[in-house]
Amino acid sequence: MKKLMLIALALFPLASFAAQPQAFNFSCGKTGGVYSDGKGDVWVDGQKATVKQSSASYWEATSGKTIISIVRSAEGNPDISFTGPNRTHGVCLAEDEVSFAPAANKQTAAKSGPSFSCAAVSQGSMEELICQSDTLSAMDLKLTDTYKKALVKSNNNSTLKAEQRGWIKGRNECWKADDKNKCLSDEYQQRISELQNKYQVK
């Protein structure tokens, strides 16, 4: 994964702070994704957040019950963490190969769908929810890319293929969850991490 250019991150272009705003993408556990447009605006899982700056190196982006804490370290790189409903919390990780940006229009959204065709998905299925979410669609594309790299590293291992089919069945069990989108986000993030760690791919 190529390194993000995150030096001198600032979310507000205030004259008193030398750093110019820069774009970044992060996955933050159950929030799904965080996106900054580099102009001071931040989105949390597709919803525009309220951003407040407390100091030259600290910001909070709030969307619903989710709060993203953004700290710019002395080296200039941001440290991102989150707190959410039901006491969820965690550290956000850089996702420079996944865009959590809201689609500019329907045509853009159509081009940024998941790895599978949305034309034939069943109504009420988990695939339909994935198709309806830019964040989940991006995560599906990321997982597909990671899985393909893992297949190459494993010499097209048949066990890996069986595990992936089993994971898809498990992912679809999210229909039982109260918050299906969060369940799907958790499943994707966990599977991506598993493949990256086991097969040393990015």
C-alpha atoms as a PDB file:
ATOM      1  CA  MET A   1       0.000   0.000   0.000  1.00  0.00           C
ATOM      2  CA  LYS A   2       1.493   3.254  -1.042  1.00  0.00           C
ATOM      3  CA  LYS A   3       2.066   5.743   1.728  1.00  0.00           C
ATOM      4  CA  LEU A   4      -0.327   8.623   2.066  1.00  0.00           C
ATOM      5  CA  MET A   5       0.920  12.129   1.757  1.00  0.00           C
ATOM      6  CA  LEU A   6      -0.265  13.284   5.158  1.00  0.00           C
ATOM      7  CA  ILE A   7       2.409  15.774   6.079  1.00  0.00           C
ATOM      8  CA  ALA A   8       1.086  18.934   7.705  1.00  0.00           C
ATOM      9  CA  LEU A   9      -2.551  17.837   7.775  1.00  0.00           C
ATOM     10  CA  ALA A  10      -5.043  20.586   8.588  1.00  0.00           C
ATOM     11  CA  LEU A  11      -8.791  20.467   8.346  1.00  0.00           C
ATOM     12  CA  PHE A  12      -9.352  24.194   8.485  1.00  0.00           C
ATOM     13  CA  PRO A  13      -7.468  26.619   6.226  1.00  0.00           C
ATOM     14  CA  LEU A  14      -6.958  29.184   9.012  1.00  0.00           C
ATOM     15  CA  ALA A  15      -4.353  31.859   8.457  1.00  0.00           C
ATOM     16  CA  SER A  16      -2.907  31.287  11.924  1.00  0.00           C
ATOM     17  CA  PHE A  17      -2.024  27.689  11.032  1.00  0.00           C
ATOM     18  CA  ALA A  18       0.606  27.209   8.358  1.00  0.00           C
ATOM     19  CA  ALA A  19      -0.510  23.787   7.129  1.00  0.00           C
ATOM     20  CA  GLN A  20      -2.836  23.546   4.138  1.00  0.00           C
ATOM     21  CA  PRO A  21      -5.749  21.068   4.218  1.00  0.00           C
ATOM     22  CA  GLN A  22      -5.058  17.683   2.661  1.00  0.00           C
ATOM     23  CA  ALA A  23      -7.288  14.783   1.657  1.00  0.00           C
ATOM     24  CA  PHE A  24      -7.121  11.440   3.442  1.00  0.00           C
ATOM     25  CA  ASN A  25      -9.072   8.203   3.674  1.00  0.00           C
ATOM     26  CA  PHE A  26      -9.375   6.088   6.804  1.00  0.00           C
ATOM     27  CA  SER A  27     -11.308   3.040   7.864  1.00  0.00           C
ATOM     28  CA  CYS A  28     -12.471   3.368  11.431  1.00  0.00           C
ATOM     29  CA  GLY A  29     -13.882   0.082  12.622  1.00  0.00           C
ATOM     30  CA  LYS A  30     -17.658   0.211  12.787  1.00  0.00           C
ATOM     31  CA  THR A  31     -17.852   3.683  11.257  1.00  0.00           C
ATOM     32  CA  GLY A  32     -17.123   2.166   7.842  1.00  0.00           C
ATOM     33  CA  GLY A  33     -15.026   5.001   6.503  1.00  0.00           C
ATOM     34  CA  VAL A  34     -13.868   8.565   7.003  1.00  0.00           C
ATOM     35  CA  TYR A  35     -13.185  10.906   4.118  1.00  0.00           C
ATOM     36  CA  SER A  36     -11.722  14.403   4.021  1.00  0.00           C
ATOM     37  CA  ASP A  37     -12.053  16.442   0.845  1.00  0.00           C
ATOM     38  CA  GLY A  38      -8.943  18.426   1.737  1.00  0.00           C
ATOM     39  CA  LYS A  39     -10.975  21.641   2.068  1.00  0.00           C
ATOM     40  CA  GLY A  40     -12.008  21.362   5.692  1.00  0.00           C
ATOM     41  CA  ASP A  41     -15.006  19.044   5.225  1.00  0.00           C
ATOM     42  CA  VAL A  42     -15.145  15.501   6.626  1.00  0.00           C
ATOM     43  CA  TRP A  43     -17.604  12.664   5.982  1.00  0.00           C
ATOM     44  CA  VAL A  44     -18.200   9.758   8.362  1.00  0.00           C
ATOM     45  CA  ASP A  45     -19.623   6.689   6.621  1.00  0.00           C
ATOM     46  CA  GLY A  46     -21.067   8.854   3.869  1.00  0.00           C
ATOM     47  CA  GLN A  47     -22.579  11.468   6.209  1.00  0.00           C
ATOM     48  CA  LYS A  48     -21.133  14.979   6.392  1.00  0.00           C
ATOM     49  CA  ALA A  49     -19.699  15.567   9.858  1.00  0.00           C
ATOM     50  CA  THR A  50     -19.496  18.697  11.979  1.00  0.00           C
ATOM     51  CA  VAL A  51     -15.822  19.602  12.371  1.00  0.00           C
ATOM     52  CA  LYS A  52     -14.494  21.639  15.289  1.00  0.00           C
ATOM     53  CA  GLN A  53     -10.878  22.638  15.778  1.00  0.00           C
ATOM     54  CA  SER A  54      -9.698  22.970  19.376  1.00  0.00           C
ATOM     55  CA  SER A  55      -6.040  23.760  18.747  1.00  0.00           C
ATOM     56  CA  ALA A  56      -3.419  23.924  16.031  1.00  0.00           C
ATOM     57  CA  SER A  57      -3.120  20.140  16.109  1.00  0.00           C
ATOM     58  CA  TYR A  58      -6.484  18.759  17.252  1.00  0.00           C
ATOM     59  CA  TRP A  59      -9.882  18.411  15.548  1.00  0.00           C
ATOM     60  CA  GLU A  60     -13.112  16.537  16.208  1.00  0.00           C
ATOM     61  CA  ALA A  61     -15.476  15.449  13.446  1.00  0.00           C
ATOM     62  CA  THR A  62     -18.938  14.530  14.772  1.00  0.00           C
ATOM     63  CA  SER A  63     -21.641  12.643  12.883  1.00  0.00           C
ATOM     64  CA  GLY A  64     -24.565  11.345  14.928  1.00  0.00           C
ATOM     65  CA  LYS A  65     -23.124   9.503  17.921  1.00  0.00           C
ATOM     66  CA  THR A  66     -19.750   8.980  16.250  1.00  0.00           C
ATOM     67  CA  ILE A  67     -16.831  11.261  17.083  1.00  0.00           C
ATOM     68  CA  ILE A  68     -13.611  11.123  15.086  1.00  0.00           C
ATOM     69  CA  SER A  69     -10.608  12.552  16.954  1.00  0.00           C
ATOM     70  CA  ILE A  70      -7.842  13.855  14.696  1.00  0.00           C
ATOM     71  CA  VAL A  71      -4.451  14.728  16.144  1.00  0.00           C
ATOM     72  CA  ARG A  72      -1.544  15.972  14.055  1.00  0.00           C
ATOM     73  CA  SER A  73       1.688  14.682  15.569  1.00  0.00           C
ATOM     74  CA  ALA A  74       4.928  16.620  15.782  1.00  0.00           C
ATOM     75  CA  GLU A  75       6.075  14.811  12.634  1.00  0.00           C
ATOM     76  CA  GLY A  76       3.027  16.117  10.775  1.00  0.00           C
ATOM     77  CA  ASN A  77       1.210  12.780  10.420  1.00  0.00           C
ATOM     78  CA  PRO A  78      -2.336  12.466  11.781  1.00  0.00           C
ATOM     79  CA  ASP A  79      -3.376   9.985  14.447  1.00  0.00           C
ATOM     80  CA  ILE A  80      -7.067   9.153  14.064  1.00  0.00           C
ATOM     81  CA  SER A  81      -9.345   7.398  16.564  1.00  0.00           C
ATOM     82  CA  PHE A  82     -13.080   7.138  17.052  1.00  0.00           C
ATOM     83  CA  THR A  83     -15.778   6.646  19.646  1.00  0.00           C
ATOM     84  CA  GLY A  84     -19.292   5.630  18.704  1.00  0.00           C
ATOM     85  CA  PRO A  85     -22.634   4.354  19.992  1.00  0.00           C
ATOM     86  CA  ASN A  86     -22.763   1.465  22.452  1.00  0.00           C
ATOM     87  CA  ARG A  87     -19.251   2.348  23.674  1.00  0.00           C
ATOM     88  CA  THR A  88     -17.592   1.317  20.452  1.00  0.00           C
ATOM     89  CA  HIS A  89     -14.131   2.788  19.992  1.00  0.00           C
ATOM     90  CA  GLY A  90     -10.930   2.142  18.137  1.00  0.00           C
ATOM     91  CA  VAL A  91      -8.044   3.430  16.062  1.00  0.00           C
ATOM     92  CA  CYS A  92      -8.501   4.385  12.425  1.00  0.00           C
ATOM     93  CA  LEU A  93      -6.151   2.932   9.820  1.00  0.00           C
ATOM     94  CA  ALA A  94      -5.001   4.523   6.576  1.00  0.00           C
ATOM     95  CA  GLU A  95      -6.828   3.192   3.501  1.00  0.00           C
ATOM     96  CA  ASP A  96      -5.153   4.947   0.599  1.00  0.00           C
ATOM     97  CA  GLU A  97      -6.489   2.404  -1.913  1.00  0.00           C
ATOM     98  CA  VAL A  98     -10.130   2.801  -0.873  1.00  0.00           C
ATOM     99  CA  SER A  99     -12.151   5.930  -1.518  1.00  0.00           C
ATOM    100  CA  PHE A 100     -14.788   6.780   1.061  1.00  0.00           C
ATOM    101  CA  ALA A 101     -15.745   9.913  -0.864  1.00  0.00           C
ATOM    102  CA  PRO A 102     -19.473  10.525  -1.376  1.00  0.00           C
ATOM    103  CA  ALA A 103     -20.433  10.005  -5.013  1.00  0.00           C
ATOM    104  CA  ALA A 104     -20.728  13.299  -6.871  1.00  0.00           C
ATOM    105  CA  ASN A 105     -23.656  12.043  -8.928  1.00  0.00           C
ATOM    106  CA  LYS A 106     -25.484   8.882  -9.911  1.00  0.00           C
ATOM    107  CA  GLN A 107     -23.166   8.283 -12.842  1.00  0.00           C
ATOM    108  CA  THR A 108     -20.164   8.382 -10.522  1.00  0.00           C
ATOM    109  CA  ALA A 109     -21.921   6.063  -8.101  1.00  0.00           C
ATOM    110  CA  ALA A 110     -22.583   3.568 -10.869  1.00  0.00           C
ATOM    111  CA  LYS A 111     -18.887   3.451 -11.664  1.00  0.00           C
ATOM    112  CA  SER A 112     -17.893   2.934  -8.034  1.00  0.00           C
ATOM    113  CA  GLY A 113     -20.070  -0.097  -7.301  1.00  0.00           C
ATOM    114  CA  PRO A 114     -18.883  -3.357  -5.758  1.00  0.00           C
ATOM    115  CA  SER A 115     -16.951  -6.119  -7.509  1.00  0.00           C
ATOM    116  CA  PHE A 116     -20.177  -7.902  -8.482  1.00  0.00           C
ATOM    117  CA  SER A 117     -23.040  -6.768 -10.714  1.00  0.00           C
ATOM    118  CA  CYS A 118     -25.863  -5.041  -8.864  1.00  0.00           C
ATOM    119  CA  ALA A 119     -28.300  -5.695 -11.704  1.00  0.00           C
ATOM    120  CA  ALA A 120     -29.242  -9.205 -10.572  1.00  0.00           C
ATOM    121  CA  VAL A 121     -29.087  -8.989  -6.767  1.00  0.00           C
ATOM    122  CA  SER A 122     -32.118 -10.131  -4.793  1.00  0.00           C
ATOM    123  CA  GLN A 123     -34.304  -7.572  -3.058  1.00  0.00           C
ATOM    124  CA  GLY A 124     -33.540  -7.448   0.663  1.00  0.00           C
ATOM    125  CA  SER A 125     -30.255  -9.344   0.245  1.00  0.00           C
ATOM    126  CA  MET A 126     -26.949  -8.310   1.751  1.00  0.00           C
ATOM    127  CA  GLU A 127     -25.683  -7.759  -1.783  1.00  0.00           C
ATOM    128  CA  GLU A 128     -28.423  -5.159  -2.278  1.00  0.00           C
ATOM    129  CA  LEU A 129     -27.298  -3.316   0.864  1.00  0.00           C
ATOM    130  CA  ILE A 130     -23.719  -3.375  -0.386  1.00  0.00           C
ATOM    131  CA  CYS A 131     -24.834  -1.966  -3.738  1.00  0.00           C
ATOM    132  CA  GLN A 132     -26.686   0.846  -1.954  1.00  0.00           C
ATOM    133  CA  SER A 133     -23.648   1.876   0.114  1.00  0.00           C
ATOM    134  CA  ASP A 134     -20.636   3.618  -1.426  1.00  0.00           C
ATOM    135  CA  THR A 135     -18.569   2.662   1.613  1.00  0.00           C
ATOM    136  CA  LEU A 136     -19.488  -1.019   1.532  1.00  0.00           C
ATOM    137  CA  SER A 137     -19.010  -1.109  -2.236  1.00  0.00           C
ATOM    138  CA  ALA A 138     -15.509   0.314  -1.800  1.00  0.00           C
ATOM    139  CA  MET A 139     -14.766  -2.267   0.880  1.00  0.00           C
ATOM    140  CA  ASP A 140     -16.001  -5.039  -1.410  1.00  0.00           C
ATOM    141  CA  LEU A 141     -13.631  -3.852  -4.129  1.00  0.00           C
ATOM    142  CA  LYS A 142     -10.782  -3.706  -1.624  1.00  0.00           C
ATOM    143  CA  LEU A 143     -11.482  -7.236  -0.413  1.00  0.00           C
ATOM    144  CA  THR A 144     -11.680  -8.562  -3.973  1.00  0.00           C
ATOM    145  CA  ASP A 145      -8.314  -6.999  -4.789  1.00  0.00           C
ATOM    146  CA  THR A 146      -6.779  -8.372  -1.575  1.00  0.00           C
ATOM    147  CA  TYR A 147      -8.233 -11.829  -2.212  1.00  0.00           C
ATOM    148  CA  LYS A 148      -6.811 -11.926  -5.749  1.00  0.00           C
ATOM    149  CA  LYS A 149      -3.367 -11.006  -4.431  1.00  0.00           C
ATOM    150  CA  ALA A 150      -3.678 -13.696  -1.753  1.00  0.00           C
ATOM    151  CA  LEU A 151      -4.562 -16.257  -4.429  1.00  0.00           C
ATOM    152  CA  VAL A 152      -1.401 -15.375  -6.317  1.00  0.00           C
ATOM    153  CA  LYS A 153       0.744 -15.614  -3.173  1.00  0.00           C
ATOM    154  CA  SER A 154      -0.847 -18.976  -2.282  1.00  0.00           C
ATOM    155  CA  ASN A 155      -0.427 -20.437  -5.796  1.00  0.00           C
ATOM    156  CA  ASN A 156      -4.191 -20.553  -6.309  1.00  0.00           C
ATOM    157  CA  ASN A 157      -4.731 -22.522  -3.105  1.00  0.00           C
ATOM    158  CA  SER A 158      -8.007 -24.484  -3.113  1.00  0.00           C
ATOM    159  CA  THR A 159      -8.391 -24.142   0.660  1.00  0.00           C
ATOM    160  CA  LEU A 160      -8.262 -20.365   0.363  1.00  0.00           C
ATOM    161  CA  LYS A 161     -11.006 -20.503  -2.285  1.00  0.00           C
ATOM    162  CA  ALA A 162     -13.178 -22.640   0.001  1.00  0.00           C
ATOM    163  CA  GLU A 163     -12.545 -20.271   2.898  1.00  0.00           C
ATOM    164  CA  GLN A 164     -13.598 -17.309   0.781  1.00  0.00           C
ATOM    165  CA  ARG A 165     -16.841 -19.039  -0.221  1.00  0.00           C
ATOM    166  CA  GLY A 166     -17.454 -19.777   3.446  1.00  0.00           C
ATOM    167  CA  TRP A 167     -16.759 -16.157   4.339  1.00  0.00           C
ATOM    168  CA  ILE A 168     -19.354 -14.962   1.804  1.00  0.00           C
ATOM    169  CA  LYS A 169     -21.940 -17.252   3.403  1.00  0.00           C
ATOM    170  CA  GLY A 170     -21.005 -15.877   6.809  1.00  0.00           C
ATOM    171  CA  ARG A 171     -21.189 -12.302   5.541  1.00  0.00           C
ATOM    172  CA  ASN A 172     -24.705 -12.908   4.297  1.00  0.00           C
ATOM    173  CA  GLU A 173     -25.713 -13.938   7.827  1.00  0.00           C
ATOM    174  CA  CYS A 174     -25.656 -10.215   8.620  1.00  0.00           C
ATOM    175  CA  TRP A 175     -29.353 -10.169   7.698  1.00  0.00           C
ATOM    176  CA  LYS A 176     -29.896 -11.293  11.298  1.00  0.00           C
ATOM    177  CA  ALA A 177     -28.132  -8.252  12.752  1.00  0.00           C
ATOM    178  CA  ASP A 178     -29.959  -5.204  14.106  1.00  0.00           C
ATOM    179  CA  ASP A 179     -27.541  -2.925  12.245  1.00  0.00           C
ATOM    180  CA  LYS A 180     -26.849  -4.773   9.027  1.00  0.00           C
ATOM    181  CA  ASN A 181     -24.544  -2.139   7.558  1.00  0.00           C
ATOM    182  CA  LYS A 182     -22.269  -2.192  10.592  1.00  0.00           C
ATOM    183  CA  CYS A 183     -22.265  -5.968  10.578  1.00  0.00           C
ATOM    184  CA  LEU A 184     -21.213  -6.003   6.923  1.00  0.00           C
ATOM    185  CA  SER A 185     -18.532  -3.376   7.550  1.00  0.00           C
ATOM    186  CA  ASP A 186     -17.127  -5.439  10.423  1.00  0.00           C
ATOM    187  CA  GLU A 187     -17.092  -8.592   8.309  1.00  0.00           C
ATOM    188  CA  TYR A 188     -15.263  -6.893   5.457  1.00  0.00           C
ATOM    189  CA  GLN A 189     -12.668  -5.238   7.648  1.00  0.00           C
ATOM    190  CA  GLN A 190     -11.952  -8.441   9.524  1.00  0.00           C
ATOM    191  CA  ARG A 191     -11.586 -10.493   6.328  1.00  0.00           C
ATOM    192  CA  ILE A 192      -9.345  -7.909   4.665  1.00  0.00           C
ATOM    193  CA  SER A 193      -7.096  -7.852   7.731  1.00  0.00           C
ATOM    194  CA  GLU A 194      -6.998 -11.655   7.885  1.00  0.00           C
ATOM    195  CA  LEU A 195      -5.901 -11.981   4.265  1.00  0.00           C
ATOM    196  CA  GLN A 196      -3.374  -9.165   4.521  1.00  0.00           C
ATOM    197  CA  ASN A 197      -1.783 -10.623   7.637  1.00  0.00           C
ATOM    198  CA  LYS A 198      -1.797 -14.272   6.561  1.00  0.00           C
ATOM    199  CA  TYR A 199      -0.541 -13.768   3.014  1.00  0.00           C
ATOM    200  CA  GLN A 200       1.427 -10.543   3.528  1.00  0.00           C
ATOM    201  CA  VAL A 201      -0.445  -8.634   0.835  1.00  0.00           C
ATOM    202  CA  LYS A 202      -1.781  -5.095   0.797  1.00  0.00           C
END
